[in-house]
Amino acid sequence: MRHILTFSSLAFGALFVALAPAALASNTWYVDGVNGNDNNDCKTAQTACQTIGHAISLASSQDSIMVAPATYKENLTISKA
């Protein structure tokens, strides 16, 4: 049984090392059309961008954009995955 536990630990460790860079590489950007400001860093709900377009300009592949309820009068072009 000791060998099974060791193998499981090694397998889990290898899986964590393989997936950690992808998980760490993604960001979440926040947009709040009422209280946000495009001069903010957009990294928290309290320091949200004001426009979706600005958040898109900051985002990379695999990132997420959280949009607070508001009316956003923007013409958006999303050219990223």
C-alpha atoms as a PDB file:
ATOM      1  CA  MET A   1       0.000   0.000   0.000  1.00  0.00           C
ATOM      2  CA  ARG A   2       2.917   2.314   0.613  1.00  0.00           C
ATOM      3  CA  HIS A   3       3.912   2.121  -3.052  1.00  0.00           C
ATOM      4  CA  ILE A   4       0.424   3.121  -4.207  1.00  0.00           C
ATOM      5  CA  LEU A   5       0.439   6.153  -1.934  1.00  0.00           C
ATOM      6  CA  THR A   6       3.887   7.189  -3.183  1.00  0.00           C
ATOM      7  CA  PHE A   7       2.813   6.806  -6.813  1.00  0.00           C
ATOM      8  CA  SER A   8      -0.377   8.790  -6.199  1.00  0.00           C
ATOM      9  CA  SER A   9       1.601  11.572  -4.542  1.00  0.00           C
ATOM     10  CA  LEU A  10       4.049  11.675  -7.432  1.00  0.00           C
ATOM     11  CA  ALA A  11       1.240  11.662  -9.989  1.00  0.00           C
ATOM     12  CA  PHE A  12      -0.589  14.455  -8.165  1.00  0.00           C
ATOM     13  CA  GLY A  13       2.627  16.473  -7.889  1.00  0.00           C
ATOM     14  CA  ALA A  14       3.367  16.063 -11.589  1.00  0.00           C
ATOM     15  CA  LEU A  15      -0.171  17.091 -12.504  1.00  0.00           C
ATOM     16  CA  PHE A  16       0.062  20.179 -10.274  1.00  0.00           C
ATOM     17  CA  VAL A  17       3.398  21.222 -11.816  1.00  0.00           C
ATOM     18  CA  ALA A  18       1.985  20.739 -15.319  1.00  0.00           C
ATOM     19  CA  LEU A  19      -1.199  22.729 -14.706  1.00  0.00           C
ATOM     20  CA  ALA A  20       0.080  25.446 -12.354  1.00  0.00           C
ATOM     21  CA  PRO A  21       1.613  27.702 -15.041  1.00  0.00           C
ATOM     22  CA  ALA A  22      -1.658  27.795 -16.984  1.00  0.00           C
ATOM     23  CA  ALA A  23      -3.678  28.574 -13.874  1.00  0.00           C
ATOM     24  CA  LEU A  24      -1.245  31.250 -12.756  1.00  0.00           C
ATOM     25  CA  ALA A  25      -1.061  32.802 -16.212  1.00  0.00           C
ATOM     26  CA  SER A  26      -4.738  33.767 -16.378  1.00  0.00           C
ATOM     27  CA  ASN A  27      -6.094  37.025 -14.963  1.00  0.00           C
ATOM     28  CA  THR A  28      -9.529  38.321 -14.120  1.00  0.00           C
ATOM     29  CA  TRP A  29     -10.309  41.896 -15.149  1.00  0.00           C
ATOM     30  CA  TYR A  30     -13.206  43.861 -13.644  1.00  0.00           C
ATOM     31  CA  VAL A  31     -15.463  46.425 -15.308  1.00  0.00           C
ATOM     32  CA  ASP A  32     -17.929  48.704 -13.543  1.00  0.00           C
ATOM     33  CA  GLY A  33     -19.672  51.216 -15.780  1.00  0.00           C
ATOM     34  CA  VAL A  34     -20.942  53.219 -12.800  1.00  0.00           C
ATOM     35  CA  ASN A  35     -18.034  53.336 -10.340  1.00  0.00           C
ATOM     36  CA  GLY A  36     -15.084  52.225 -12.493  1.00  0.00           C
ATOM     37  CA  ASN A  37     -12.318  54.287 -14.042  1.00  0.00           C
ATOM     38  CA  ASP A  38     -10.128  53.322 -16.999  1.00  0.00           C
ATOM     39  CA  ASN A  39      -7.126  54.746 -15.131  1.00  0.00           C
ATOM     40  CA  ASN A  40      -7.536  51.991 -12.499  1.00  0.00           C
ATOM     41  CA  ASP A  41      -5.619  48.707 -12.699  1.00  0.00           C
ATOM     42  CA  CYS A  42      -8.913  46.777 -13.238  1.00  0.00           C
ATOM     43  CA  LYS A  43      -7.671  43.862 -11.109  1.00  0.00           C
ATOM     44  CA  THR A  44     -10.376  43.979  -8.414  1.00  0.00           C
ATOM     45  CA  ALA A  45     -14.023  44.984  -8.216  1.00  0.00           C
ATOM     46  CA  GLN A  46     -12.921  48.012  -6.179  1.00  0.00           C
ATOM     47  CA  THR A  47     -10.396  49.102  -8.839  1.00  0.00           C
ATOM     48  CA  ALA A  48     -12.516  48.244 -11.881  1.00  0.00           C
ATOM     49  CA  CYS A  49     -12.264  49.741 -15.365  1.00  0.00           C
ATOM     50  CA  GLN A  50     -15.163  51.856 -16.557  1.00  0.00           C
ATOM     51  CA  THR A  51     -15.342  50.390 -20.070  1.00  0.00           C
ATOM     52  CA  ILE A  52     -15.429  46.874 -21.436  1.00  0.00           C
ATOM     53  CA  GLY A  53     -13.180  47.956 -24.299  1.00  0.00           C
ATOM     54  CA  HIS A  54     -10.408  48.952 -21.914  1.00  0.00           C
ATOM     55  CA  ALA A  55     -10.637  45.597 -20.127  1.00  0.00           C
ATOM     56  CA  ILE A  56     -10.429  43.830 -23.478  1.00  0.00           C
ATOM     57  CA  SER A  57      -7.282  45.802 -24.320  1.00  0.00           C
ATOM     58  CA  LEU A  58      -5.681  44.515 -21.092  1.00  0.00           C
ATOM     59  CA  ALA A  59      -6.791  40.898 -21.468  1.00  0.00           C
ATOM     60  CA  SER A  60      -4.846  38.002 -22.922  1.00  0.00           C
ATOM     61  CA  SER A  61      -5.950  34.557 -24.025  1.00  0.00           C
ATOM     62  CA  GLN A  62      -7.484  32.569 -21.131  1.00  0.00           C
ATOM     63  CA  ASP A  63      -8.259  35.727 -19.089  1.00  0.00           C
ATOM     64  CA  SER A  64     -11.748  36.507 -17.809  1.00  0.00           C
ATOM     65  CA  ILE A  65     -13.613  39.807 -17.726  1.00  0.00           C
ATOM     66  CA  MET A  66     -16.225  40.319 -15.025  1.00  0.00           C
ATOM     67  CA  VAL A  67     -18.747  42.987 -16.040  1.00  0.00           C
ATOM     68  CA  ALA A  68     -20.918  44.684 -13.414  1.00  0.00           C
ATOM     69  CA  PRO A  69     -24.520  45.581 -14.290  1.00  0.00           C
ATOM     70  CA  ALA A  70     -24.647  48.961 -16.067  1.00  0.00           C
ATOM     71  CA  THR A  71     -25.426  50.423 -19.470  1.00  0.00           C
ATOM     72  CA  TYR A  72     -22.310  50.285 -21.643  1.00  0.00           C
ATOM     73  CA  LYS A  73     -22.524  52.357 -24.819  1.00  0.00           C
ATOM     74  CA  GLU A  74     -19.528  50.957 -26.662  1.00  0.00           C
ATOM     75  CA  ASN A  75     -18.724  49.502 -30.046  1.00  0.00           C
ATOM     76  CA  LEU A  76     -16.545  46.520 -29.313  1.00  0.00           C
ATOM     77  CA  THR A  77     -14.177  44.565 -31.491  1.00  0.00           C
ATOM     78  CA  ILE A  78     -12.861  41.431 -29.860  1.00  0.00           C
ATOM     79  CA  SER A  79      -9.844  40.154 -31.775  1.00  0.00           C
ATOM     80  CA  LYS A  80      -8.550  37.840 -29.037  1.00  0.00           C
ATOM     81  CA  ALA A  81      -9.319  34.260 -28.167  1.00  0.00           C
END
